[in-house]
Amino acid sequence: MTAPKPAVAVLTTLNTKQKEARFVADVLTRAGVTPWIIDLSLEPHENGDADAAATSVAAAAGASWYALGERSRQDAAAIMAEGGKKLSVSGRTSISRLADSRLG
């Protein structure tokens, strides 16, 4: 029986760092690790490569992503950082399930 691949959360802003996030994800994949991309973007974009979209990240912090525009950039970024932390640390089970599902 094969052991599940380890998984690593990649916290990024896909609205500006899509290429960099994809590079990191590709390197992790080649190293035998399952990347889990968490989008911390504050601006709308058309990139759908995230395993956890920005709306989910904000929700994990107890906020609406759409309402972040009413806050200062600093406050909005802090909310997204908190949501990303919760999804990556508290979501270890989800990351493990994702890794298991991608083995197949």
PDB file of N, CA and C in Angstrom:
ATOM      1  N   MET A   1       0.832  -1.176   0.000  1.00  0.00           N
ATOM      2  CA  MET A   1       0.000   0.000   0.000  1.00  0.00           C
ATOM      3  C   MET A   1       0.880   1.244   0.000  1.00  0.00           C
ATOM      4  N   THR A   2       0.545   2.189  -0.839  1.00  0.00           N
ATOM      5  CA  THR A   2       1.324   3.411  -0.964  1.00  0.00           C
ATOM      6  C   THR A   2       0.881   4.435   0.070  1.00  0.00           C
ATOM      7  N   ALA A   3       1.852   5.054   0.731  1.00  0.00           N
ATOM      8  CA  ALA A   3       1.543   6.111   1.702  1.00  0.00           C
ATOM      9  C   ALA A   3       1.040   7.333   0.960  1.00  0.00           C
ATOM     10  N   PRO A   4       0.094   8.064   1.573  1.00  0.00           N
ATOM     11  CA  PRO A   4      -0.397   9.279   0.904  1.00  0.00           C
ATOM     12  C   PRO A   4       0.711  10.308   0.750  1.00  0.00           C
ATOM     13  N   LYS A   5       0.609  11.067  -0.309  1.00  0.00           N
ATOM     14  CA  LYS A   5       1.575  12.141  -0.544  1.00  0.00           C
ATOM     15  C   LYS A   5       1.395  13.223   0.521  1.00  0.00           C
ATOM     16  N   PRO A   6       2.486  13.835   0.938  1.00  0.00           N
ATOM     17  CA  PRO A   6       2.330  14.992   1.817  1.00  0.00           C
ATOM     18  C   PRO A   6       1.714  16.145   1.024  1.00  0.00           C
ATOM     19  N   ALA A   7       1.068  17.053   1.721  1.00  0.00           N
ATOM     20  CA  ALA A   7       0.453  18.212   1.075  1.00  0.00           C
ATOM     21  C   ALA A   7       0.990  19.485   1.719  1.00  0.00           C
ATOM     22  N   VAL A   8       1.118  20.525   0.907  1.00  0.00           N
ATOM     23  CA  VAL A   8       1.610  21.821   1.380  1.00  0.00           C
ATOM     24  C   VAL A   8       0.657  22.905   0.910  1.00  0.00           C
ATOM     25  N   ALA A   9       0.255  23.770   1.849  1.00  0.00           N
ATOM     26  CA  ALA A   9      -0.588  24.911   1.494  1.00  0.00           C
ATOM     27  C   ALA A   9       0.290  25.997   0.879  1.00  0.00           C
ATOM     28  N   VAL A  10      -0.151  26.536  -0.251  1.00  0.00           N
ATOM     29  CA  VAL A  10       0.540  27.638  -0.925  1.00  0.00           C
ATOM     30  C   VAL A  10      -0.380  28.852  -0.838  1.00  0.00           C
ATOM     31  N   LEU A  11      -0.066  29.774   0.063  1.00  0.00           N
ATOM     32  CA  LEU A  11      -0.868  30.977   0.224  1.00  0.00           C
ATOM     33  C   LEU A  11      -0.347  32.028  -0.742  1.00  0.00           C
ATOM     34  N   THR A  12      -1.244  32.564  -1.573  1.00  0.00           N
ATOM     35  CA  THR A  12      -0.832  33.462  -2.640  1.00  0.00           C
ATOM     36  C   THR A  12      -1.955  34.426  -3.004  1.00  0.00           C
ATOM     37  N   THR A  13      -1.613  35.435  -3.746  1.00  0.00           N
ATOM     38  CA  THR A  13      -2.612  36.341  -4.320  1.00  0.00           C
ATOM     39  C   THR A  13      -2.637  36.081  -5.818  1.00  0.00           C
ATOM     40  N   LEU A  14      -3.609  35.295  -6.250  1.00  0.00           N
ATOM     41  CA  LEU A  14      -3.660  34.871  -7.647  1.00  0.00           C
ATOM     42  C   LEU A  14      -3.969  36.004  -8.615  1.00  0.00           C
ATOM     43  N   ASN A  15      -4.526  37.111  -8.108  1.00  0.00           N
ATOM     44  CA  ASN A  15      -4.813  38.216  -9.028  1.00  0.00           C
ATOM     45  C   ASN A  15      -3.527  38.856  -9.539  1.00  0.00           C
ATOM     46  N   THR A  16      -2.413  38.714  -8.813  1.00  0.00           N
ATOM     47  CA  THR A  16      -1.140  39.294  -9.262  1.00  0.00           C
ATOM     48  C   THR A  16       0.003  38.283  -9.337  1.00  0.00           C
ATOM     49  N   LYS A  17      -0.125  37.154  -8.684  1.00  0.00           N
ATOM     50  CA  LYS A  17       0.992  36.202  -8.588  1.00  0.00           C
ATOM     51  C   LYS A  17       0.642  34.819  -9.120  1.00  0.00           C
ATOM     52  N   GLN A  18      -0.184  34.761 -10.147  1.00  0.00           N
ATOM     53  CA  GLN A  18      -0.616  33.492 -10.717  1.00  0.00           C
ATOM     54  C   GLN A  18       0.567  32.670 -11.237  1.00  0.00           C
ATOM     55  N   LYS A  19       1.453  33.290 -11.995  1.00  0.00           N
ATOM     56  CA  LYS A  19       2.596  32.559 -12.567  1.00  0.00           C
ATOM     57  C   LYS A  19       3.508  32.034 -11.469  1.00  0.00           C
ATOM     58  N   GLU A  20       3.755  32.858 -10.451  1.00  0.00           N
ATOM     59  CA  GLU A  20       4.635  32.448  -9.359  1.00  0.00           C
ATOM     60  C   GLU A  20       4.009  31.291  -8.563  1.00  0.00           C
ATOM     61  N   ALA A  21       2.708  31.377  -8.323  1.00  0.00           N
ATOM     62  CA  ALA A  21       2.020  30.313  -7.594  1.00  0.00           C
ATOM     63  C   ALA A  21       2.049  29.012  -8.382  1.00  0.00           C
ATOM     64  N   ARG A  22       1.844  29.099  -9.684  1.00  0.00           N
ATOM     65  CA  ARG A  22       1.877  27.907 -10.530  1.00  0.00           C
ATOM     66  C   ARG A  22       3.283  27.302 -10.524  1.00  0.00           C
ATOM     67  N   PHE A  23       4.326  28.149 -10.558  1.00  0.00           N
ATOM     68  CA  PHE A  23       5.702  27.660 -10.503  1.00  0.00           C
ATOM     69  C   PHE A  23       5.939  26.882  -9.206  1.00  0.00           C
ATOM     70  N   VAL A  24       5.555  27.471  -8.073  1.00  0.00           N
ATOM     71  CA  VAL A  24       5.734  26.806  -6.778  1.00  0.00           C
ATOM     72  C   VAL A  24       4.951  25.491  -6.749  1.00  0.00           C
ATOM     73  N   ALA A  25       3.720  25.511  -7.230  1.00  0.00           N
ATOM     74  CA  ALA A  25       2.909  24.297  -7.254  1.00  0.00           C
ATOM     75  C   ALA A  25       3.555  23.217  -8.122  1.00  0.00           C
ATOM     76  N   ASP A  26       4.097  23.604  -9.262  1.00  0.00           N
ATOM     77  CA  ASP A  26       4.760  22.642 -10.153  1.00  0.00           C
ATOM     78  C   ASP A  26       6.004  22.040  -9.495  1.00  0.00           C
ATOM     79  N   VAL A  27       6.784  22.870  -8.814  1.00  0.00           N
ATOM     80  CA  VAL A  27       7.983  22.372  -8.123  1.00  0.00           C
ATOM     81  C   VAL A  27       7.572  21.393  -7.022  1.00  0.00           C
ATOM     82  N   LEU A  28       6.546  21.741  -6.255  1.00  0.00           N
ATOM     83  CA  LEU A  28       6.071  20.846  -5.195  1.00  0.00           C
ATOM     84  C   LEU A  28       5.588  19.517  -5.777  1.00  0.00           C
ATOM     85  N   THR A  29       4.857  19.588  -6.866  1.00  0.00           N
ATOM     86  CA  THR A  29       4.346  18.375  -7.507  1.00  0.00           C
ATOM     87  C   THR A  29       5.495  17.482  -7.960  1.00  0.00           C
ATOM     88  N   ARG A  30       6.503  18.086  -8.583  1.00  0.00           N
ATOM     89  CA  ARG A  30       7.670  17.304  -9.038  1.00  0.00           C
ATOM     90  C   ARG A  30       8.418  16.680  -7.863  1.00  0.00           C
ATOM     91  N   ALA A  31       8.326  17.309  -6.689  1.00  0.00           N
ATOM     92  CA  ALA A  31       8.990  16.790  -5.491  1.00  0.00           C
ATOM     93  C   ALA A  31       8.135  15.744  -4.774  1.00  0.00           C
ATOM     94  N   GLY A  32       6.969  15.430  -5.341  1.00  0.00           N
ATOM     95  CA  GLY A  32       6.126  14.410  -4.746  1.00  0.00           C
ATOM     96  C   GLY A  32       5.173  14.928  -3.687  1.00  0.00           C
ATOM     97  N   VAL A  33       4.943  16.227  -3.687  1.00  0.00           N
ATOM     98  CA  VAL A  33       4.067  16.870  -2.711  1.00  0.00           C
ATOM     99  C   VAL A  33       2.823  17.386  -3.428  1.00  0.00           C
ATOM    100  N   THR A  34       1.684  17.318  -2.767  1.00  0.00           N
ATOM    101  CA  THR A  34       0.455  17.864  -3.328  1.00  0.00           C
ATOM    102  C   THR A  34       0.309  19.316  -2.889  1.00  0.00           C
ATOM    103  N   PRO A  35       0.339  20.270  -3.828  1.00  0.00           N
ATOM    104  CA  PRO A  35       0.133  21.677  -3.450  1.00  0.00           C
ATOM    105  C   PRO A  35      -1.354  21.958  -3.254  1.00  0.00           C
ATOM    106  N   TRP A  36      -1.664  22.792  -2.281  1.00  0.00           N
ATOM    107  CA  TRP A  36      -3.038  23.225  -2.021  1.00  0.00           C
ATOM    108  C   TRP A  36      -3.026  24.737  -2.079  1.00  0.00           C
ATOM    109  N   ILE A  37      -3.507  25.311  -3.159  1.00  0.00           N
ATOM    110  CA  ILE A  37      -3.405  26.751  -3.404  1.00  0.00           C
ATOM    111  C   ILE A  37      -4.556  27.480  -2.720  1.00  0.00           C
ATOM    112  N   ILE A  38      -4.183  28.419  -1.851  1.00  0.00           N
ATOM    113  CA  ILE A  38      -5.138  29.245  -1.116  1.00  0.00           C
ATOM    114  C   ILE A  38      -4.990  30.675  -1.620  1.00  0.00           C
ATOM    115  N   ASP A  39      -6.071  31.213  -2.193  1.00  0.00           N
ATOM    116  CA  ASP A  39      -6.047  32.543  -2.807  1.00  0.00           C
ATOM    117  C   ASP A  39      -6.396  33.627  -1.784  1.00  0.00           C
ATOM    118  N   LEU A  40      -5.448  34.522  -1.525  1.00  0.00           N
ATOM    119  CA  LEU A  40      -5.642  35.625  -0.587  1.00  0.00           C
ATOM    120  C   LEU A  40      -5.956  36.942  -1.290  1.00  0.00           C
ATOM    121  N   SER A  41      -6.309  36.886  -2.566  1.00  0.00           N
ATOM    122  CA  SER A  41      -6.534  38.097  -3.372  1.00  0.00           C
ATOM    123  C   SER A  41      -7.612  38.995  -2.778  1.00  0.00           C
ATOM    124  N   LEU A  42      -7.344  40.293  -2.848  1.00  0.00           N
ATOM    125  CA  LEU A  42      -8.323  41.295  -2.439  1.00  0.00           C
ATOM    126  C   LEU A  42      -9.073  41.868  -3.632  1.00  0.00           C
ATOM    127  N   GLU A  43      -8.570  41.623  -4.821  1.00  0.00           N
ATOM    128  CA  GLU A  43      -9.172  42.148  -6.049  1.00  0.00           C
ATOM    129  C   GLU A  43      -9.764  41.005  -6.869  1.00  0.00           C
ATOM    130  N   PRO A  44     -10.872  41.260  -7.564  1.00  0.00           N
ATOM    131  CA  PRO A  44     -11.453  40.230  -8.429  1.00  0.00           C
ATOM    132  C   PRO A  44     -10.506  39.858  -9.570  1.00  0.00           C
ATOM    133  N   HIS A  45     -10.593  38.620 -10.007  1.00  0.00           N
ATOM    134  CA  HIS A  45      -9.778  38.154 -11.130  1.00  0.00           C
ATOM    135  C   HIS A  45     -10.445  36.946 -11.750  1.00  0.00           C
ATOM    136  N   GLU A  46      -9.947  36.536 -12.893  1.00  0.00           N
ATOM    137  CA  GLU A  46     -10.543  35.431 -13.634  1.00  0.00           C
ATOM    138  C   GLU A  46      -9.815  34.111 -13.424  1.00  0.00           C
ATOM    139  N   ASN A  47      -8.858  34.060 -12.516  1.00  0.00           N
ATOM    140  CA  ASN A  47      -8.075  32.849 -12.312  1.00  0.00           C
ATOM    141  C   ASN A  47      -8.831  31.883 -11.413  1.00  0.00           C
ATOM    142  N   GLY A  48      -9.084  30.701 -11.904  1.00  0.00           N
ATOM    143  CA  GLY A  48      -9.800  29.708 -11.126  1.00  0.00           C
ATOM    144  C   GLY A  48      -8.923  28.577 -10.640  1.00  0.00           C
ATOM    145  N   ASP A  49      -7.624  28.799 -10.494  1.00  0.00           N
ATOM    146  CA  ASP A  49      -6.689  27.736 -10.122  1.00  0.00           C
ATOM    147  C   ASP A  49      -6.637  27.436  -8.629  1.00  0.00           C
ATOM    148  N   ALA A  50      -7.357  28.181  -7.803  1.00  0.00           N
ATOM    149  CA  ALA A  50      -7.253  28.000  -6.361  1.00  0.00           C
ATOM    150  C   ALA A  50      -8.023  26.778  -5.886  1.00  0.00           C
ATOM    151  N   ASP A  51      -7.445  26.081  -4.921  1.00  0.00           N
ATOM    152  CA  ASP A  51      -8.165  25.014  -4.231  1.00  0.00           C
ATOM    153  C   ASP A  51      -9.083  25.623  -3.178  1.00  0.00           C
ATOM    154  N   ALA A  52      -8.700  26.788  -2.658  1.00  0.00           N
ATOM    155  CA  ALA A  52      -9.541  27.561  -1.739  1.00  0.00           C
ATOM    156  C   ALA A  52      -9.616  28.980  -2.305  1.00  0.00           C
ATOM    157  N   ALA A  53     -10.790  29.334  -2.832  1.00  0.00           N
ATOM    158  CA  ALA A  53     -10.988  30.651  -3.440  1.00  0.00           C
ATOM    159  C   ALA A  53     -10.998  31.744  -2.372  1.00  0.00           C
ATOM    160  N   ALA A  54     -10.765  32.972  -2.802  1.00  0.00           N
ATOM    161  CA  ALA A  54     -10.715  34.111  -1.886  1.00  0.00           C
ATOM    162  C   ALA A  54     -12.002  34.251  -1.077  1.00  0.00           C
ATOM    163  N   THR A  55     -13.139  33.951  -1.681  1.00  0.00           N
ATOM    164  CA  THR A  55     -14.402  34.042  -0.944  1.00  0.00           C
ATOM    165  C   THR A  55     -14.423  33.067   0.231  1.00  0.00           C
ATOM    166  N   SER A  56     -13.861  31.881   0.039  1.00  0.00           N
ATOM    167  CA  SER A  56     -13.782  30.885   1.118  1.00  0.00           C
ATOM    168  C   SER A  56     -12.802  31.296   2.193  1.00  0.00           C
ATOM    169  N   VAL A  57     -11.722  31.947   1.777  1.00  0.00           N
ATOM    170  CA  VAL A  57     -10.713  32.405   2.736  1.00  0.00           C
ATOM    171  C   VAL A  57     -11.315  33.464   3.650  1.00  0.00           C
ATOM    172  N   ALA A  58     -12.010  34.433   3.066  1.00  0.00           N
ATOM    173  CA  ALA A  58     -12.658  35.472   3.873  1.00  0.00           C
ATOM    174  C   ALA A  58     -13.694  34.852   4.802  1.00  0.00           C
ATOM    175  N   ALA A  59     -14.474  33.907   4.296  1.00  0.00           N
ATOM    176  CA  ALA A  59     -15.496  33.253   5.115  1.00  0.00           C
ATOM    177  C   ALA A  59     -14.873  32.510   6.294  1.00  0.00           C
ATOM    178  N   ALA A  60     -13.702  31.913   6.090  1.00  0.00           N
ATOM    179  CA  ALA A  60     -13.019  31.211   7.177  1.00  0.00           C
ATOM    180  C   ALA A  60     -12.638  32.165   8.306  1.00  0.00           C
ATOM    181  N   ALA A  61     -12.480  33.443   7.965  1.00  0.00           N
ATOM    182  CA  ALA A  61     -12.162  34.467   8.965  1.00  0.00           C
ATOM    183  C   ALA A  61     -13.425  35.158   9.481  1.00  0.00           C
ATOM    184  N   GLY A  62     -14.592  34.668   9.038  1.00  0.00           N
ATOM    185  CA  GLY A  62     -15.846  35.234   9.494  1.00  0.00           C
ATOM    186  C   GLY A  62     -16.260  36.508   8.790  1.00  0.00           C
ATOM    187  N   ALA A  63     -15.768  36.697   7.565  1.00  0.00           N
ATOM    188  CA  ALA A  63     -16.068  37.926   6.827  1.00  0.00           C
ATOM    189  C   ALA A  63     -16.594  37.598   5.431  1.00  0.00           C
ATOM    190  N   SER A  64     -17.218  38.571   4.831  1.00  0.00           N
ATOM    191  CA  SER A  64     -17.638  38.460   3.443  1.00  0.00           C
ATOM    192  C   SER A  64     -16.555  39.073   2.564  1.00  0.00           C
ATOM    193  N   TRP A  65     -16.092  38.316   1.570  1.00  0.00           N
ATOM    194  CA  TRP A  65     -15.057  38.833   0.676  1.00  0.00           C
ATOM    195  C   TRP A  65     -15.552  40.093  -0.033  1.00  0.00           C
ATOM    196  N   TYR A  66     -16.823  40.111  -0.374  1.00  0.00           N
ATOM    197  CA  TYR A  66     -17.389  41.255  -1.096  1.00  0.00           C
ATOM    198  C   TYR A  66     -17.426  42.512  -0.227  1.00  0.00           C
ATOM    199  N   ALA A  67     -17.504  42.350   1.078  1.00  0.00           N
ATOM    200  CA  ALA A  67     -17.533  43.495   1.985  1.00  0.00           C
ATOM    201  C   ALA A  67     -16.136  44.009   2.332  1.00  0.00           C
ATOM    202  N   LEU A  68     -15.099  43.290   1.940  1.00  0.00           N
ATOM    203  CA  LEU A  68     -13.736  43.721   2.264  1.00  0.00           C
ATOM    204  C   LEU A  68     -13.396  45.060   1.625  1.00  0.00           C
ATOM    205  N   GLY A  69     -14.046  45.375   0.502  1.00  0.00           N
ATOM    206  CA  GLY A  69     -13.796  46.648  -0.176  1.00  0.00           C
ATOM    207  C   GLY A  69     -14.179  47.855   0.662  1.00  0.00           C
ATOM    208  N   GLU A  70     -14.997  47.648   1.673  1.00  0.00           N
ATOM    209  CA  GLU A  70     -15.405  48.731   2.565  1.00  0.00           C
ATOM    210  C   GLU A  70     -14.385  48.980   3.668  1.00  0.00           C
ATOM    211  N   ARG A  71     -13.424  48.115   3.780  1.00  0.00           N
ATOM    212  CA  ARG A  71     -12.394  48.221   4.824  1.00  0.00           C
ATOM    213  C   ARG A  71     -11.109  48.799   4.232  1.00  0.00           C
ATOM    214  N   SER A  72     -10.217  49.218   5.121  1.00  0.00           N
ATOM    215  CA  SER A  72      -8.902  49.656   4.646  1.00  0.00           C
ATOM    216  C   SER A  72      -8.172  48.443   4.083  1.00  0.00           C
ATOM    217  N   ARG A  73      -7.218  48.691   3.194  1.00  0.00           N
ATOM    218  CA  ARG A  73      -6.444  47.597   2.610  1.00  0.00           C
ATOM    219  C   ARG A  73      -5.747  46.796   3.715  1.00  0.00           C
ATOM    220  N   GLN A  74      -5.242  47.495   4.721  1.00  0.00           N
ATOM    221  CA  GLN A  74      -4.550  46.832   5.828  1.00  0.00           C
ATOM    222  C   GLN A  74      -5.503  45.905   6.587  1.00  0.00           C
ATOM    223  N   ASP A  75      -6.697  46.369   6.885  1.00  0.00           N
ATOM    224  CA  ASP A  75      -7.672  45.535   7.590  1.00  0.00           C
ATOM    225  C   ASP A  75      -8.115  44.349   6.730  1.00  0.00           C
ATOM    226  N   ALA A  76      -8.361  44.612   5.458  1.00  0.00           N
ATOM    227  CA  ALA A  76      -8.786  43.543   4.548  1.00  0.00           C
ATOM    228  C   ALA A  76      -7.701  42.473   4.425  1.00  0.00           C
ATOM    229  N   ALA A  77      -6.450  42.909   4.307  1.00  0.00           N
ATOM    230  CA  ALA A  77      -5.339  41.961   4.203  1.00  0.00           C
ATOM    231  C   ALA A  77      -5.204  41.138   5.485  1.00  0.00           C
ATOM    232  N   ALA A  78      -5.425  41.760   6.630  1.00  0.00           N
ATOM    233  CA  ALA A  78      -5.349  41.041   7.907  1.00  0.00           C
ATOM    234  C   ALA A  78      -6.441  39.966   7.980  1.00  0.00           C
ATOM    235  N   ILE A  79      -7.633  40.285   7.488  1.00  0.00           N
ATOM    236  CA  ILE A  79      -8.726  39.315   7.469  1.00  0.00           C
ATOM    237  C   ILE A  79      -8.362  38.139   6.571  1.00  0.00           C
ATOM    238  N   MET A  80      -7.836  38.433   5.393  1.00  0.00           N
ATOM    239  CA  MET A  80      -7.464  37.367   4.471  1.00  0.00           C
ATOM    240  C   MET A  80      -6.330  36.515   5.037  1.00  0.00           C
ATOM    241  N   ALA A  81      -5.379  37.143   5.704  1.00  0.00           N
ATOM    242  CA  ALA A  81      -4.279  36.391   6.324  1.00  0.00           C
ATOM    243  C   ALA A  81      -4.825  35.459   7.404  1.00  0.00           C
ATOM    244  N   GLU A  82      -5.769  35.952   8.189  1.00  0.00           N
ATOM    245  CA  GLU A  82      -6.382  35.118   9.232  1.00  0.00           C
ATOM    246  C   GLU A  82      -7.135  33.942   8.614  1.00  0.00           C
ATOM    247  N   GLY A  83      -7.904  34.212   7.564  1.00  0.00           N
ATOM    248  CA  GLY A  83      -8.624  33.134   6.887  1.00  0.00           C
ATOM    249  C   GLY A  83      -7.679  32.112   6.282  1.00  0.00           C
ATOM    250  N   GLY A  84      -6.603  32.589   5.652  1.00  0.00           N
ATOM    251  CA  GLY A  84      -5.601  31.680   5.082  1.00  0.00           C
ATOM    252  C   GLY A  84      -4.953  30.821   6.142  1.00  0.00           C
ATOM    253  N   LYS A  85      -4.669  31.433   7.276  1.00  0.00           N
ATOM    254  CA  LYS A  85      -4.070  30.687   8.397  1.00  0.00           C
ATOM    255  C   LYS A  85      -5.027  29.607   8.880  1.00  0.00           C
ATOM    256  N   LYS A  86      -6.290  29.976   9.044  1.00  0.00           N
ATOM    257  CA  LYS A  86      -7.272  29.001   9.523  1.00  0.00           C
ATOM    258  C   LYS A  86      -7.429  27.846   8.543  1.00  0.00           C
ATOM    259  N   LEU A  87      -7.482  28.154   7.257  1.00  0.00           N
ATOM    260  CA  LEU A  87      -7.641  27.087   6.273  1.00  0.00           C
ATOM    261  C   LEU A  87      -6.406  26.201   6.193  1.00  0.00           C
ATOM    262  N   SER A  88      -5.217  26.789   6.316  1.00  0.00           N
ATOM    263  CA  SER A  88      -4.004  25.982   6.168  1.00  0.00           C
ATOM    264  C   SER A  88      -3.656  25.218   7.441  1.00  0.00           C
ATOM    265  N   VAL A  89      -3.903  25.798   8.599  1.00  0.00           N
ATOM    266  CA  VAL A  89      -3.561  25.126   9.857  1.00  0.00           C
ATOM    267  C   VAL A  89      -4.711  24.234  10.321  1.00  0.00           C
ATOM    268  N   SER A  90      -5.893  24.795  10.416  1.00  0.00           N
ATOM    269  CA  SER A  90      -7.050  24.028  10.874  1.00  0.00           C
ATOM    270  C   SER A  90      -7.529  23.067   9.801  1.00  0.00           C
ATOM    271  N   GLY A  91      -7.209  23.370   8.567  1.00  0.00           N
ATOM    272  CA  GLY A  91      -7.676  22.547   7.464  1.00  0.00           C
ATOM    273  C   GLY A  91      -6.746  21.423   7.094  1.00  0.00           C
ATOM    274  N   ARG A  92      -5.883  20.998   7.983  1.00  0.00           N
ATOM    275  CA  ARG A  92      -4.963  19.907   7.644  1.00  0.00           C
ATOM    276  C   ARG A  92      -5.704  18.669   7.169  1.00  0.00           C
ATOM    277  N   THR A  93      -6.843  18.401   7.759  1.00  0.00           N
ATOM    278  CA  THR A  93      -7.628  17.250   7.323  1.00  0.00           C
ATOM    279  C   THR A  93      -8.078  17.428   5.884  1.00  0.00           C
ATOM    280  N   SER A  94      -8.526  18.640   5.547  1.00  0.00           N
ATOM    281  CA  SER A  94      -8.947  18.912   4.168  1.00  0.00           C
ATOM    282  C   SER A  94      -7.781  18.761   3.206  1.00  0.00           C
ATOM    283  N   ILE A  95      -6.610  19.249   3.610  1.00  0.00           N
ATOM    284  CA  ILE A  95      -5.427  19.134   2.760  1.00  0.00           C
ATOM    285  C   ILE A  95      -5.089  17.655   2.573  1.00  0.00           C
ATOM    286  N   SER A  96      -5.171  16.878   3.654  1.00  0.00           N
ATOM    287  CA  SER A  96      -4.884  15.446   3.543  1.00  0.00           C
ATOM    288  C   SER A  96      -5.886  14.751   2.636  1.00  0.00           C
ATOM    289  N   ARG A  97      -7.165  15.115   2.748  1.00  0.00           N
ATOM    290  CA  ARG A  97      -8.177  14.522   1.872  1.00  0.00           C
ATOM    291  C   ARG A  97      -7.908  14.891   0.420  1.00  0.00           C
ATOM    292  N   LEU A  98      -7.505  16.145   0.201  1.00  0.00           N
ATOM    293  CA  LEU A  98      -7.191  16.583  -1.159  1.00  0.00           C
ATOM    294  C   LEU A  98      -6.031  15.753  -1.708  1.00  0.00           C
ATOM    295  N   ALA A  99      -5.007  15.570  -0.894  1.00  0.00           N
ATOM    296  CA  ALA A  99      -3.850  14.782  -1.342  1.00  0.00           C
ATOM    297  C   ALA A  99      -4.284  13.361  -1.674  1.00  0.00           C
ATOM    298  N   ASP A 100      -5.119  12.766  -0.822  1.00  0.00           N
ATOM    299  CA  ASP A 100      -5.589  11.410  -1.080  1.00  0.00           C
ATOM    300  C   ASP A 100      -6.402  11.336  -2.365  1.00  0.00           C
ATOM    301  N   SER A 101      -7.243  12.338  -2.612  1.00  0.00           N
ATOM    302  CA  SER A 101      -8.091  12.320  -3.800  1.00  0.00           C
ATOM    303  C   SER A 101      -7.288  12.489  -5.076  1.00  0.00           C
ATOM    304  N   ARG A 102      -6.147  13.147  -4.981  1.00  0.00           N
ATOM    305  CA  ARG A 102      -5.324  13.370  -6.174  1.00  0.00           C
ATOM    306  C   ARG A 102      -4.402  12.190  -6.467  1.00  0.00           C
ATOM    307  N   LEU A 103      -4.340  11.230  -5.558  1.00  0.00           N
ATOM    308  CA  LEU A 103      -3.490  10.050  -5.798  1.00  0.00           C
ATOM    309  C   LEU A 103      -4.034   9.196  -6.934  1.00  0.00           C
ATOM    310  N   GLY A 104      -5.351   9.195  -7.049  1.00  0.00           N
ATOM    311  CA  GLY A 104      -6.007   8.317  -7.852  1.00  0.00           C
ATOM    312  C   GLY A 104      -6.162   8.117  -9.209  1.00  0.00           C
TER     313      GLY A 104
END
